[in-house]
Structure formats: C-alpha cells, structure tokens
Amino acid sequence: MSEHETILPEGWPRPRGYANGMAASGRQIYVAGQIGWDDKEELVGEDLPSQFGQALRNVRAVVEAGGGRVEDIVRLTIYCTDIAGYRSGVQDVGKAYREVMGK
C-alpha cells in the first residue's frame, strides 16, 4: 500500500485523533460494515467495549488480508445504537481502539 499525507491548512491547529484532510494514492481497499462477531459469526461479549474491539479486529483483518496496514486507514465511520452503553464504557471503548489500531 502507498503512504498517505495529512493535509493541514496553514494556521490551523493540528487536530487530535483525526485529520481534516488526507491525500492518498495507489490501491484502495473498501471495507464493508463490520460488527462484533468472530469467525464463527458469534457475537463476542454482551457489552459495547467487547463488541467494538471485535469489530475493529474484523476491520483490521480485512485490511491486512488486502495487503494493507492499520496505518493505511484514512477513514472509519462508527455507528453506535446504545448511547448509554457508550457513555458508561467510553474508557474501555478507547482502550479497545488503541489496542487494535495502535493509535
């Protein structure tokens, strides 16, 4: 996979955890929506952090199977249908993200 370049307009502060723009070239991989199930199509855990971590592992597996790395990912769209579960587990959700994505 080719490298990508963060675009930051002059004078703008550097954002934390995202980029305002990215420039990429070369091969692109489009990953379908992923959920928190394993390779046997069984949900992993009953809580949001467990399922979120598994969904991220699934994204990573698809990217790596296509020859990419997590560092090559330029965009993730994350949907959460349980805002109370998110709020109560936000620390563990963040931990799962860092463990799987390394950022």
PDB file of N, CA and C in Angstrom:
ATOM      1  N   MET A   1       0.858  -1.176   0.000  1.00  0.00           N
ATOM      2  CA  MET A   1       0.000   0.000   0.000  1.00  0.00           C
ATOM      3  C   MET A   1       0.902   1.237   0.000  1.00  0.00           C
ATOM      4  N   SER A   2       0.417   2.289  -0.590  1.00  0.00           N
ATOM      5  CA  SER A   2       1.171   3.526  -0.627  1.00  0.00           C
ATOM      6  C   SER A   2       0.935   4.324   0.643  1.00  0.00           C
ATOM      7  N   GLU A   3       1.829   5.236   0.907  1.00  0.00           N
ATOM      8  CA  GLU A   3       1.693   6.114   2.071  1.00  0.00           C
ATOM      9  C   GLU A   3       0.634   7.172   1.784  1.00  0.00           C
ATOM     10  N   HIS A   4       0.133   7.778   2.829  1.00  0.00           N
ATOM     11  CA  HIS A   4      -0.812   8.876   2.659  1.00  0.00           C
ATOM     12  C   HIS A   4      -0.281  10.088   3.411  1.00  0.00           C
ATOM     13  N   GLU A   5      -0.756  11.240   3.012  1.00  0.00           N
ATOM     14  CA  GLU A   5      -0.261  12.502   3.556  1.00  0.00           C
ATOM     15  C   GLU A   5      -1.411  13.257   4.208  1.00  0.00           C
ATOM     16  N   THR A   6      -1.172  13.706   5.432  1.00  0.00           N
ATOM     17  CA  THR A   6      -2.161  14.516   6.132  1.00  0.00           C
ATOM     18  C   THR A   6      -2.153  15.924   5.552  1.00  0.00           C
ATOM     19  N   ILE A   7      -3.327  16.459   5.313  1.00  0.00           N
ATOM     20  CA  ILE A   7      -3.458  17.822   4.803  1.00  0.00           C
ATOM     21  C   ILE A   7      -3.877  18.716   5.962  1.00  0.00           C
ATOM     22  N   LEU A   8      -3.081  19.743   6.219  1.00  0.00           N
ATOM     23  CA  LEU A   8      -3.369  20.685   7.297  1.00  0.00           C
ATOM     24  C   LEU A   8      -3.175  22.102   6.765  1.00  0.00           C
ATOM     25  N   PRO A   9      -4.267  22.836   6.553  1.00  0.00           N
ATOM     26  CA  PRO A   9      -4.134  24.199   6.055  1.00  0.00           C
ATOM     27  C   PRO A   9      -3.273  25.060   6.985  1.00  0.00           C
ATOM     28  N   GLU A  10      -2.541  25.964   6.392  1.00  0.00           N
ATOM     29  CA  GLU A  10      -1.664  26.847   7.154  1.00  0.00           C
ATOM     30  C   GLU A  10      -2.456  27.608   8.213  1.00  0.00           C
ATOM     31  N   GLY A  11      -1.909  27.631   9.417  1.00  0.00           N
ATOM     32  CA  GLY A  11      -2.531  28.361  10.515  1.00  0.00           C
ATOM     33  C   GLY A  11      -3.559  27.564  11.302  1.00  0.00           C
ATOM     34  N   TRP A  12      -3.957  26.399  10.806  1.00  0.00           N
ATOM     35  CA  TRP A  12      -4.937  25.577  11.523  1.00  0.00           C
ATOM     36  C   TRP A  12      -4.228  24.776  12.608  1.00  0.00           C
ATOM     37  N   PRO A  13      -4.860  24.604  13.759  1.00  0.00           N
ATOM     38  CA  PRO A  13      -4.259  23.745  14.784  1.00  0.00           C
ATOM     39  C   PRO A  13      -4.352  22.278  14.355  1.00  0.00           C
ATOM     40  N   ARG A  14      -3.353  21.496  14.752  1.00  0.00           N
ATOM     41  CA  ARG A  14      -3.364  20.067  14.421  1.00  0.00           C
ATOM     42  C   ARG A  14      -4.431  19.378  15.265  1.00  0.00           C
ATOM     43  N   PRO A  15      -5.396  18.705  14.629  1.00  0.00           N
ATOM     44  CA  PRO A  15      -6.458  18.030  15.381  1.00  0.00           C
ATOM     45  C   PRO A  15      -5.929  16.776  16.082  1.00  0.00           C
ATOM     46  N   ARG A  16      -6.608  16.386  17.149  1.00  0.00           N
ATOM     47  CA  ARG A  16      -6.240  15.172  17.881  1.00  0.00           C
ATOM     48  C   ARG A  16      -7.201  14.050  17.496  1.00  0.00           C
ATOM     49  N   GLY A  17      -6.650  12.943  17.016  1.00  0.00           N
ATOM     50  CA  GLY A  17      -7.457  11.769  16.741  1.00  0.00           C
ATOM     51  C   GLY A  17      -8.088  11.705  15.360  1.00  0.00           C
ATOM     52  N   TYR A  18      -7.876  12.702  14.541  1.00  0.00           N
ATOM     53  CA  TYR A  18      -8.434  12.693  13.189  1.00  0.00           C
ATOM     54  C   TYR A  18      -7.639  13.670  12.335  1.00  0.00           C
ATOM     55  N   ALA A  19      -7.926  13.715  11.049  1.00  0.00           N
ATOM     56  CA  ALA A  19      -7.308  14.677  10.147  1.00  0.00           C
ATOM     57  C   ALA A  19      -8.410  15.402   9.391  1.00  0.00           C
ATOM     58  N   ASN A  20      -8.197  16.670   9.103  1.00  0.00           N
ATOM     59  CA  ASN A  20      -9.162  17.429   8.314  1.00  0.00           C
ATOM     60  C   ASN A  20      -9.148  16.999   6.857  1.00  0.00           C
ATOM     61  N   GLY A  21      -8.038  16.479   6.403  1.00  0.00           N
ATOM     62  CA  GLY A  21      -7.932  16.011   5.027  1.00  0.00           C
ATOM     63  C   GLY A  21      -6.775  15.040   4.878  1.00  0.00           C
ATOM     64  N   MET A  22      -6.884  14.159   3.888  1.00  0.00           N
ATOM     65  CA  MET A  22      -5.827  13.195   3.600  1.00  0.00           C
ATOM     66  C   MET A  22      -5.637  13.125   2.090  1.00  0.00           C
ATOM     67  N   ALA A  23      -4.393  12.987   1.658  1.00  0.00           N
ATOM     68  CA  ALA A  23      -4.080  12.747   0.256  1.00  0.00           C
ATOM     69  C   ALA A  23      -3.512  11.333   0.163  1.00  0.00           C
ATOM     70  N   ALA A  24      -4.095  10.519  -0.701  1.00  0.00           N
ATOM     71  CA  ALA A  24      -3.653   9.134  -0.844  1.00  0.00           C
ATOM     72  C   ALA A  24      -3.524   8.796  -2.319  1.00  0.00           C
ATOM     73  N   SER A  25      -2.656   7.850  -2.606  1.00  0.00           N
ATOM     74  CA  SER A  25      -2.530   7.362  -3.973  1.00  0.00           C
ATOM     75  C   SER A  25      -2.310   5.861  -3.923  1.00  0.00           C
ATOM     76  N   GLY A  26      -2.477   5.224  -5.050  1.00  0.00           N
ATOM     77  CA  GLY A  26      -2.263   3.788  -5.098  1.00  0.00           C
ATOM     78  C   GLY A  26      -3.543   3.011  -4.875  1.00  0.00           C
ATOM     79  N   ARG A  27      -3.390   1.783  -4.469  1.00  0.00           N
ATOM     80  CA  ARG A  27      -4.507   0.856  -4.276  1.00  0.00           C
ATOM     81  C   ARG A  27      -5.385   1.288  -3.099  1.00  0.00           C
ATOM     82  N   GLN A  28      -6.686   1.120  -3.249  1.00  0.00           N
ATOM     83  CA  GLN A  28      -7.633   1.422  -2.179  1.00  0.00           C
ATOM     84  C   GLN A  28      -8.417   0.165  -1.836  1.00  0.00           C
ATOM     85  N   ILE A  29      -8.682  -0.020  -0.549  1.00  0.00           N
ATOM     86  CA  ILE A  29      -9.499  -1.131  -0.072  1.00  0.00           C
ATOM     87  C   ILE A  29     -10.733  -0.530   0.578  1.00  0.00           C
ATOM     88  N   TYR A  30     -11.894  -1.004   0.191  1.00  0.00           N
ATOM     89  CA  TYR A  30     -13.150  -0.573   0.807  1.00  0.00           C
ATOM     90  C   TYR A  30     -13.653  -1.715   1.679  1.00  0.00           C
ATOM     91  N   VAL A  31     -13.824  -1.439   2.953  1.00  0.00           N
ATOM     92  CA  VAL A  31     -14.237  -2.460   3.915  1.00  0.00           C
ATOM     93  C   VAL A  31     -15.723  -2.291   4.201  1.00  0.00           C
ATOM     94  N   ALA A  32     -16.466  -3.370   4.071  1.00  0.00           N
ATOM     95  CA  ALA A  32     -17.898  -3.338   4.393  1.00  0.00           C
ATOM     96  C   ALA A  32     -18.083  -3.156   5.895  1.00  0.00           C
ATOM     97  N   GLY A  33     -19.282  -2.790   6.298  1.00  0.00           N
ATOM     98  CA  GLY A  33     -19.582  -2.625   7.712  1.00  0.00           C
ATOM     99  C   GLY A  33     -19.266  -3.887   8.498  1.00  0.00           C
ATOM    100  N   GLN A  34     -18.652  -3.712   9.649  1.00  0.00           N
ATOM    101  CA  GLN A  34     -18.255  -4.836  10.488  1.00  0.00           C
ATOM    102  C   GLN A  34     -18.955  -4.739  11.839  1.00  0.00           C
ATOM    103  N   ILE A  35     -19.251  -5.887  12.415  1.00  0.00           N
ATOM    104  CA  ILE A  35     -19.863  -5.926  13.739  1.00  0.00           C
ATOM    105  C   ILE A  35     -18.999  -6.777  14.659  1.00  0.00           C
ATOM    106  N   GLY A  36     -19.406  -6.879  15.911  1.00  0.00           N
ATOM    107  CA  GLY A  36     -18.603  -7.567  16.920  1.00  0.00           C
ATOM    108  C   GLY A  36     -18.760  -9.070  16.948  1.00  0.00           C
ATOM    109  N   TRP A  37     -18.699  -9.723  15.794  1.00  0.00           N
ATOM    110  CA  TRP A  37     -18.750 -11.182  15.819  1.00  0.00           C
ATOM    111  C   TRP A  37     -17.422 -11.765  15.361  1.00  0.00           C
ATOM    112  N   ASP A  38     -17.201 -13.015  15.761  1.00  0.00           N
ATOM    113  CA  ASP A  38     -15.943 -13.684  15.453  1.00  0.00           C
ATOM    114  C   ASP A  38     -16.055 -14.463  14.137  1.00  0.00           C
ATOM    115  N   ASP A  39     -15.032 -15.279  13.869  1.00  0.00           N
ATOM    116  CA  ASP A  39     -15.012 -16.019  12.603  1.00  0.00           C
ATOM    117  C   ASP A  39     -16.036 -17.153  12.544  1.00  0.00           C
ATOM    118  N   LYS A  40     -16.729 -17.398  13.643  1.00  0.00           N
ATOM    119  CA  LYS A  40     -17.833 -18.367  13.657  1.00  0.00           C
ATOM    120  C   LYS A  40     -19.182 -17.650  13.597  1.00  0.00           C
ATOM    121  N   GLU A  41     -19.135 -16.344  13.351  1.00  0.00           N
ATOM    122  CA  GLU A  41     -20.320 -15.484  13.281  1.00  0.00           C
ATOM    123  C   GLU A  41     -21.115 -15.494  14.583  1.00  0.00           C
ATOM    124  N   GLU A  42     -20.378 -15.488  15.708  1.00  0.00           N
ATOM    125  CA  GLU A  42     -20.983 -15.412  17.031  1.00  0.00           C
ATOM    126  C   GLU A  42     -20.537 -14.113  17.686  1.00  0.00           C
ATOM    127  N   LEU A  43     -21.489 -13.370  18.273  1.00  0.00           N
ATOM    128  CA  LEU A  43     -21.140 -12.125  18.947  1.00  0.00           C
ATOM    129  C   LEU A  43     -20.169 -12.400  20.088  1.00  0.00           C
ATOM    130  N   VAL A  44     -19.193 -11.528  20.211  1.00  0.00           N
ATOM    131  CA  VAL A  44     -18.178 -11.651  21.247  1.00  0.00           C
ATOM    132  C   VAL A  44     -18.572 -10.735  22.400  1.00  0.00           C
ATOM    133  N   GLY A  45     -18.959 -11.287  23.510  1.00  0.00           N
ATOM    134  CA  GLY A  45     -19.337 -10.493  24.670  1.00  0.00           C
ATOM    135  C   GLY A  45     -20.700  -9.848  24.498  1.00  0.00           C
ATOM    136  N   GLU A  46     -21.204  -9.340  25.593  1.00  0.00           N
ATOM    137  CA  GLU A  46     -22.518  -8.692  25.587  1.00  0.00           C
ATOM    138  C   GLU A  46     -22.413  -7.183  25.737  1.00  0.00           C
ATOM    139  N   ASP A  47     -21.219  -6.692  26.060  1.00  0.00           N
ATOM    140  CA  ASP A  47     -21.053  -5.262  26.298  1.00  0.00           C
ATOM    141  C   ASP A  47     -20.454  -4.578  25.072  1.00  0.00           C
ATOM    142  N   LEU A  48     -20.658  -3.278  25.003  1.00  0.00           N
ATOM    143  CA  LEU A  48     -20.190  -2.484  23.869  1.00  0.00           C
ATOM    144  C   LEU A  48     -18.674  -2.546  23.688  1.00  0.00           C
ATOM    145  N   PRO A  49     -17.860  -2.363  24.742  1.00  0.00           N
ATOM    146  CA  PRO A  49     -16.410  -2.405  24.518  1.00  0.00           C
ATOM    147  C   PRO A  49     -15.927  -3.720  23.900  1.00  0.00           C
ATOM    148  N   SER A  50     -16.486  -4.844  24.326  1.00  0.00           N
ATOM    149  CA  SER A  50     -16.080  -6.144  23.761  1.00  0.00           C
ATOM    150  C   SER A  50     -16.440  -6.236  22.285  1.00  0.00           C
ATOM    151  N   GLN A  51     -17.660  -5.858  21.952  1.00  0.00           N
ATOM    152  CA  GLN A  51     -18.105  -5.943  20.564  1.00  0.00           C
ATOM    153  C   GLN A  51     -17.396  -4.914  19.690  1.00  0.00           C
ATOM    154  N   PHE A  52     -17.140  -3.730  20.230  1.00  0.00           N
ATOM    155  CA  PHE A  52     -16.412  -2.699  19.490  1.00  0.00           C
ATOM    156  C   PHE A  52     -15.005  -3.181  19.161  1.00  0.00           C
ATOM    157  N   GLY A  53     -14.323  -3.755  20.161  1.00  0.00           N
ATOM    158  CA  GLY A  53     -12.976  -4.277  19.928  1.00  0.00           C
ATOM    159  C   GLY A  53     -12.966  -5.349  18.853  1.00  0.00           C
ATOM    160  N   GLN A  54     -13.957  -6.231  18.877  1.00  0.00           N
ATOM    161  CA  GLN A  54     -14.026  -7.287  17.863  1.00  0.00           C
ATOM    162  C   GLN A  54     -14.312  -6.703  16.483  1.00  0.00           C
ATOM    163  N   ALA A  55     -15.195  -5.726  16.407  1.00  0.00           N
ATOM    164  CA  ALA A  55     -15.476  -5.090  15.115  1.00  0.00           C
ATOM    165  C   ALA A  55     -14.205  -4.465  14.546  1.00  0.00           C
ATOM    166  N   LEU A  56     -13.403  -3.841  15.404  1.00  0.00           N
ATOM    167  CA  LEU A  56     -12.138  -3.266  14.943  1.00  0.00           C
ATOM    168  C   LEU A  56     -11.167  -4.356  14.495  1.00  0.00           C
ATOM    169  N   ARG A  57     -11.118  -5.469  15.222  1.00  0.00           N
ATOM    170  CA  ARG A  57     -10.261  -6.579  14.791  1.00  0.00           C
ATOM    171  C   ARG A  57     -10.709  -7.102  13.428  1.00  0.00           C
ATOM    172  N   ASN A  58     -12.014  -7.100  13.189  1.00  0.00           N
ATOM    173  CA  ASN A  58     -12.529  -7.529  11.888  1.00  0.00           C
ATOM    174  C   ASN A  58     -12.104  -6.563  10.787  1.00  0.00           C
ATOM    175  N   VAL A  59     -12.189  -5.266  11.047  1.00  0.00           N
ATOM    176  CA  VAL A  59     -11.726  -4.264  10.078  1.00  0.00           C
ATOM    177  C   VAL A  59     -10.253  -4.491   9.782  1.00  0.00           C
ATOM    178  N   ARG A  60      -9.473  -4.641  10.842  1.00  0.00           N
ATOM    179  CA  ARG A  60      -8.033  -4.841  10.678  1.00  0.00           C
ATOM    180  C   ARG A  60      -7.744  -6.096   9.853  1.00  0.00           C
ATOM    181  N   ALA A  61      -8.474  -7.180  10.117  1.00  0.00           N
ATOM    182  CA  ALA A  61      -8.258  -8.430   9.382  1.00  0.00           C
ATOM    183  C   ALA A  61      -8.512  -8.248   7.889  1.00  0.00           C
ATOM    184  N   VAL A  62      -9.566  -7.525   7.538  1.00  0.00           N
ATOM    185  CA  VAL A  62      -9.876  -7.293   6.122  1.00  0.00           C
ATOM    186  C   VAL A  62      -8.781  -6.447   5.479  1.00  0.00           C
ATOM    187  N   VAL A  63      -8.369  -5.385   6.155  1.00  0.00           N
ATOM    188  CA  VAL A  63      -7.323  -4.504   5.618  1.00  0.00           C
ATOM    189  C   VAL A  63      -6.029  -5.290   5.413  1.00  0.00           C
ATOM    190  N   GLU A  64      -5.637  -6.074   6.412  1.00  0.00           N
ATOM    191  CA  GLU A  64      -4.395  -6.838   6.298  1.00  0.00           C
ATOM    192  C   GLU A  64      -4.501  -7.933   5.241  1.00  0.00           C
ATOM    193  N   ALA A  65      -5.669  -8.563   5.110  1.00  0.00           N
ATOM    194  CA  ALA A  65      -5.858  -9.584   4.072  1.00  0.00           C
ATOM    195  C   ALA A  65      -5.729  -8.979   2.677  1.00  0.00           C
ATOM    196  N   GLY A  66      -6.020  -7.683   2.560  1.00  0.00           N
ATOM    197  CA  GLY A  66      -5.889  -6.990   1.287  1.00  0.00           C
ATOM    198  C   GLY A  66      -4.510  -6.399   1.061  1.00  0.00           C
ATOM    199  N   GLY A  67      -3.580  -6.665   1.981  1.00  0.00           N
ATOM    200  CA  GLY A  67      -2.216  -6.169   1.822  1.00  0.00           C
ATOM    201  C   GLY A  67      -1.949  -4.836   2.486  1.00  0.00           C
ATOM    202  N   GLY A  68      -2.893  -4.339   3.270  1.00  0.00           N
ATOM    203  CA  GLY A  68      -2.719  -3.051   3.936  1.00  0.00           C
ATOM    204  C   GLY A  68      -2.318  -3.190   5.390  1.00  0.00           C
ATOM    205  N   ARG A  69      -2.187  -2.053   6.035  1.00  0.00           N
ATOM    206  CA  ARG A  69      -1.868  -1.970   7.463  1.00  0.00           C
ATOM    207  C   ARG A  69      -2.850  -1.009   8.104  1.00  0.00           C
ATOM    208  N   VAL A  70      -3.001  -1.092   9.419  1.00  0.00           N
ATOM    209  CA  VAL A  70      -3.922  -0.160  10.078  1.00  0.00           C
ATOM    210  C   VAL A  70      -3.478   1.282   9.865  1.00  0.00           C
ATOM    211  N   GLU A  71      -2.184   1.503   9.711  1.00  0.00           N
ATOM    212  CA  GLU A  71      -1.679   2.858   9.466  1.00  0.00           C
ATOM    213  C   GLU A  71      -2.147   3.413   8.127  1.00  0.00           C
ATOM    214  N   ASP A  72      -2.598   2.556   7.234  1.00  0.00           N
ATOM    215  CA  ASP A  72      -3.075   2.987   5.921  1.00  0.00           C
ATOM    216  C   ASP A  72      -4.532   3.438   5.938  1.00  0.00           C
ATOM    217  N   ILE A  73      -5.243   3.152   7.019  1.00  0.00           N
ATOM    218  CA  ILE A  73      -6.661   3.511   7.093  1.00  0.00           C
ATOM    219  C   ILE A  73      -6.784   5.027   7.187  1.00  0.00           C
ATOM    220  N   VAL A  74      -7.576   5.602   6.302  1.00  0.00           N
ATOM    221  CA  VAL A  74      -7.750   7.053   6.313  1.00  0.00           C
ATOM    222  C   VAL A  74      -9.121   7.483   6.819  1.00  0.00           C
ATOM    223  N   ARG A  75     -10.056   6.533   6.940  1.00  0.00           N
ATOM    224  CA  ARG A  75     -11.380   6.922   7.429  1.00  0.00           C
ATOM    225  C   ARG A  75     -12.105   5.720   8.030  1.00  0.00           C
ATOM    226  N   LEU A  76     -12.713   5.948   9.171  1.00  0.00           N
ATOM    227  CA  LEU A  76     -13.610   4.970   9.795  1.00  0.00           C
ATOM    228  C   LEU A  76     -14.905   5.692  10.124  1.00  0.00           C
ATOM    229  N   THR A  77     -16.014   5.082   9.798  1.00  0.00           N
ATOM    230  CA  THR A  77     -17.310   5.597  10.217  1.00  0.00           C
ATOM    231  C   THR A  77     -17.846   4.614  11.241  1.00  0.00           C
ATOM    232  N   ILE A  78     -18.086   5.102  12.444  1.00  0.00           N
ATOM    233  CA  ILE A  78     -18.504   4.237  13.550  1.00  0.00           C
ATOM    234  C   ILE A  78     -19.910   4.629  13.968  1.00  0.00           C
ATOM    235  N   TYR A  79     -20.791   3.640  14.006  1.00  0.00           N
ATOM    236  CA  TYR A  79     -22.166   3.859  14.451  1.00  0.00           C
ATOM    237  C   TYR A  79     -22.370   3.149  15.781  1.00  0.00           C
ATOM    238  N   CYS A  80     -23.062   3.799  16.686  1.00  0.00           N
ATOM    239  CA  CYS A  80     -23.376   3.215  17.987  1.00  0.00           C
ATOM    240  C   CYS A  80     -24.859   3.430  18.254  1.00  0.00           C
ATOM    241  N   THR A  81     -25.576   2.345  18.492  1.00  0.00           N
ATOM    242  CA  THR A  81     -27.019   2.449  18.728  1.00  0.00           C
ATOM    243  C   THR A  81     -27.367   2.523  20.208  1.00  0.00           C
ATOM    244  N   ASP A  82     -26.366   2.414  21.075  1.00  0.00           N
ATOM    245  CA  ASP A  82     -26.599   2.417  22.519  1.00  0.00           C
ATOM    246  C   ASP A  82     -25.764   3.520  23.161  1.00  0.00           C
ATOM    247  N   ILE A  83     -26.284   4.739  23.166  1.00  0.00           N
ATOM    248  CA  ILE A  83     -25.515   5.868  23.694  1.00  0.00           C
ATOM    249  C   ILE A  83     -25.232   5.713  25.181  1.00  0.00           C
ATOM    250  N   ALA A  84     -26.160   5.140  25.933  1.00  0.00           N
ATOM    251  CA  ALA A  84     -25.920   4.918  27.366  1.00  0.00           C
ATOM    252  C   ALA A  84     -24.784   3.915  27.560  1.00  0.00           C
ATOM    253  N   GLY A  85     -24.777   2.857  26.755  1.00  0.00           N
ATOM    254  CA  GLY A  85     -23.696   1.879  26.820  1.00  0.00           C
ATOM    255  C   GLY A  85     -22.362   2.486  26.437  1.00  0.00           C
ATOM    256  N   TYR A  86     -22.383   3.380  25.457  1.00  0.00           N
ATOM    257  CA  TYR A  86     -21.159   4.069  25.055  1.00  0.00           C
ATOM    258  C   TYR A  86     -20.646   4.941  26.191  1.00  0.00           C
ATOM    259  N   ARG A  87     -21.527   5.725  26.760  1.00  0.00           N
ATOM    260  CA  ARG A  87     -21.113   6.631  27.838  1.00  0.00           C
ATOM    261  C   ARG A  87     -20.576   5.870  29.044  1.00  0.00           C
ATOM    262  N   SER A  88     -21.211   4.761  29.377  1.00  0.00           N
ATOM    263  CA  SER A  88     -20.760   4.010  30.553  1.00  0.00           C
ATOM    264  C   SER A  88     -19.471   3.232  30.283  1.00  0.00           C
ATOM    265  N   GLY A  89     -19.167   2.959  29.030  1.00  0.00           N
ATOM    266  CA  GLY A  89     -17.970   2.186  28.703  1.00  0.00           C
ATOM    267  C   GLY A  89     -16.957   2.922  27.869  1.00  0.00           C
ATOM    268  N   VAL A  90     -17.041   4.258  27.835  1.00  0.00           N
ATOM    269  CA  VAL A  90     -16.195   5.039  26.929  1.00  0.00           C
ATOM    270  C   VAL A  90     -14.698   4.801  27.170  1.00  0.00           C
ATOM    271  N   GLN A  91     -14.287   4.637  28.411  1.00  0.00           N
ATOM    272  CA  GLN A  91     -12.863   4.390  28.678  1.00  0.00           C
ATOM    273  C   GLN A  91     -12.425   3.056  28.064  1.00  0.00           C
ATOM    274  N   ASP A  92     -13.255   2.030  28.217  1.00  0.00           N
ATOM    275  CA  ASP A  92     -12.922   0.715  27.665  1.00  0.00           C
ATOM    276  C   ASP A  92     -13.020   0.696  26.143  1.00  0.00           C
ATOM    277  N   VAL A  93     -13.924   1.480  25.587  1.00  0.00           N
ATOM    278  CA  VAL A  93     -14.021   1.606  24.133  1.00  0.00           C
ATOM    279  C   VAL A  93     -12.729   2.226  23.595  1.00  0.00           C
ATOM    280  N   GLY A  94     -12.254   3.287  24.245  1.00  0.00           N
ATOM    281  CA  GLY A  94     -10.996   3.918  23.843  1.00  0.00           C
ATOM    282  C   GLY A  94      -9.815   2.975  23.971  1.00  0.00           C
ATOM    283  N   LYS A  95      -9.800   2.204  25.047  1.00  0.00           N
ATOM    284  CA  LYS A  95      -8.723   1.229  25.253  1.00  0.00           C
ATOM    285  C   LYS A  95      -8.733   0.178  24.144  1.00  0.00           C
ATOM    286  N   ALA A  96      -9.917  -0.321  23.791  1.00  0.00           N
ATOM    287  CA  ALA A  96     -10.028  -1.307  22.710  1.00  0.00           C
ATOM    288  C   ALA A  96      -9.511  -0.724  21.399  1.00  0.00           C
ATOM    289  N   TYR A  97      -9.854   0.532  21.130  1.00  0.00           N
ATOM    290  CA  TYR A  97      -9.393   1.176  19.898  1.00  0.00           C
ATOM    291  C   TYR A  97      -7.865   1.222  19.864  1.00  0.00           C
ATOM    292  N   ARG A  98      -7.260   1.680  20.956  1.00  0.00           N
ATOM    293  CA  ARG A  98      -5.798   1.795  20.994  1.00  0.00           C
ATOM    294  C   ARG A  98      -5.118   0.429  20.884  1.00  0.00           C
ATOM    295  N   GLU A  99      -5.702  -0.592  21.516  1.00  0.00           N
ATOM    296  CA  GLU A  99      -5.105  -1.927  21.457  1.00  0.00           C
ATOM    297  C   GLU A  99      -5.131  -2.498  20.039  1.00  0.00           C
ATOM    298  N   VAL A 100      -6.217  -2.298  19.331  1.00  0.00           N
ATOM    299  CA  VAL A 100      -6.355  -2.888  17.993  1.00  0.00           C
ATOM    300  C   VAL A 100      -5.701  -2.017  16.925  1.00  0.00           C
ATOM    301  N   MET A 101      -5.919  -0.719  17.002  1.00  0.00           N
ATOM    302  CA  MET A 101      -5.451   0.179  15.951  1.00  0.00           C
ATOM    303  C   MET A 101      -4.075   0.778  16.242  1.00  0.00           C
ATOM    304  N   GLY A 102      -3.640   0.702  17.485  1.00  0.00           N
ATOM    305  CA  GLY A 102      -2.304   1.186  17.825  1.00  0.00           C
ATOM    306  C   GLY A 102      -2.153   2.687  17.823  1.00  0.00           C
ATOM    307  N   LYS A 103      -3.262   3.410  17.952  1.00  0.00           N
ATOM    308  CA  LYS A 103      -3.186   4.874  17.935  1.00  0.00           C
ATOM    309  C   LYS A 103      -3.810   5.415  19.184  1.00  0.00           C
TER     310      LYS A 103
END
